[in-house]
Amino acid sequence: MGTQPNDLAILLTSVKESLELEMHSVSDKIDTVINRFDIQSARLERQGSLIQTGSRWTTRMNEWAEKVDSELEQKDKQIMALGERIEKLEKRIP
């Protein structure tokens, strides 16, 4: 029976070392997954920035287009009014 405690110590040491290897393996896998998530997060942040920039640009372009449209409408009204005035003046002149 003198060998049984020694065998038990060897078995426990073996199990401990096996568990340590498994823990390191799992830790490495977790680090790999975390690294992938970091890369994905950075990519999503870049895409979000591009979308936000595009949205701002689109909003500014829409505001500019509306401003130009209203100014062109005012010019069209002015031209029509001038055309009507010219027609009235031409009717007065025999």
Protein backbone atom coordinates (compact mmCIF):
# COMPACT_ATOMS: atom_id res chain seq x y z
CA MET A 1 0.00 0.00 0.00
CA GLY A 2 3.00 2.26 0.02
CA THR A 3 2.62 2.89 -3.69
CA GLN A 4 -1.01 3.93 -3.62
CA PRO A 5 -0.47 7.42 -2.16
CA ASN A 6 2.35 7.92 -4.64
CA ASP A 7 0.07 6.77 -7.51
CA LEU A 8 -2.64 9.05 -6.25
CA ALA A 9 -0.21 11.98 -6.17
CA ILE A 10 0.88 11.20 -9.74
CA LEU A 11 -2.75 10.95 -10.86
CA LEU A 12 -3.67 14.24 -9.20
CA THR A 13 -0.61 15.93 -10.70
CA SER A 14 -1.54 14.57 -14.11
CA VAL A 15 -5.12 15.80 -13.79
CA LYS A 16 -3.88 19.22 -12.62
CA GLU A 17 -1.52 19.54 -15.58
CA SER A 18 -4.25 18.41 -17.98
CA LEU A 19 -6.64 21.00 -16.56
CA GLU A 20 -3.97 23.71 -16.86
CA LEU A 21 -3.44 22.83 -20.53
CA GLU A 22 -7.20 22.92 -21.15
CA MET A 23 -7.51 26.25 -19.36
CA HIS A 24 -4.69 27.74 -21.47
CA SER A 25 -6.30 26.36 -24.61
CA VAL A 26 -9.68 27.85 -23.68
CA SER A 27 -7.99 31.13 -22.73
CA ASP A 28 -6.28 31.26 -26.14
CA LYS A 29 -9.59 30.59 -27.90
CA ILE A 30 -11.29 33.31 -25.88
CA ASP A 31 -8.49 35.74 -26.76
CA THR A 32 -8.95 34.87 -30.44
CA VAL A 33 -12.70 35.49 -30.23
CA ILE A 34 -12.18 38.77 -28.39
CA ASN A 35 -9.68 39.86 -31.04
CA ARG A 36 -12.23 39.06 -33.77
CA PHE A 37 -14.87 41.06 -31.91
CA ASP A 38 -12.44 44.00 -31.63
CA ILE A 39 -11.78 43.86 -35.37
CA GLN A 40 -15.51 43.65 -36.09
CA SER A 41 -16.20 46.54 -33.71
CA ALA A 42 -13.62 48.73 -35.43
CA ARG A 43 -15.10 47.89 -38.84
CA LEU A 44 -18.63 48.68 -37.65
CA GLU A 45 -17.46 51.98 -36.17
CA ARG A 46 -15.91 52.94 -39.53
CA GLN A 47 -19.09 51.98 -41.35
CA GLY A 48 -21.18 53.92 -38.85
CA SER A 49 -18.99 56.97 -39.34
CA LEU A 50 -19.35 56.71 -43.11
CA ILE A 51 -23.12 56.37 -42.83
CA GLN A 52 -23.32 59.34 -40.47
CA THR A 53 -21.13 61.45 -42.75
CA GLY A 54 -23.23 60.48 -45.77
CA SER A 55 -26.42 61.30 -43.90
CA ARG A 56 -25.11 64.76 -42.98
CA TRP A 57 -24.00 65.40 -46.56
CA THR A 58 -27.38 64.27 -47.91
CA THR A 59 -29.19 66.54 -45.45
CA ARG A 60 -27.05 69.52 -46.49
CA MET A 61 -27.62 68.76 -50.16
CA ASN A 62 -31.39 68.54 -49.62
CA GLU A 63 -31.38 71.88 -47.79
CA TRP A 64 -29.31 73.45 -50.58
CA ALA A 65 -31.61 72.01 -53.27
CA GLU A 66 -34.70 73.36 -51.49
CA LYS A 67 -33.07 76.78 -51.18
CA VAL A 68 -32.15 76.82 -54.87
CA ASP A 69 -35.64 75.62 -55.85
CA SER A 70 -37.31 78.40 -53.86
CA GLU A 71 -34.94 81.02 -55.34
CA LEU A 72 -35.62 79.73 -58.86
CA GLU A 73 -39.36 79.85 -58.16
CA GLN A 74 -39.01 83.50 -57.08
CA LYS A 75 -37.04 84.29 -60.25
CA ASP A 76 -39.70 82.55 -62.37
CA LYS A 77 -42.41 84.67 -60.71
CA GLN A 78 -40.36 87.83 -61.31
CA ILE A 79 -39.86 86.92 -64.97
CA MET A 80 -43.58 86.18 -65.39
CA ALA A 81 -44.47 89.50 -63.76
CA LEU A 82 -42.06 91.35 -66.05
CA GLY A 83 -43.51 89.51 -69.05
CA GLU A 84 -47.02 90.58 -68.03
CA ARG A 85 -45.88 94.19 -67.60
CA ILE A 86 -44.29 94.15 -71.05
CA GLU A 87 -47.50 92.75 -72.58
CA LYS A 88 -49.56 95.51 -70.90
CA LEU A 89 -47.13 98.15 -72.15
CA GLU A 90 -47.21 96.76 -75.67
CA LYS A 91 -51.02 96.85 -75.67
CA ARG A 92 -50.94 100.57 -74.74
CA ILE A 93 -48.64 101.46 -77.60
CA PRO A 94 -50.55 101.61 -80.92
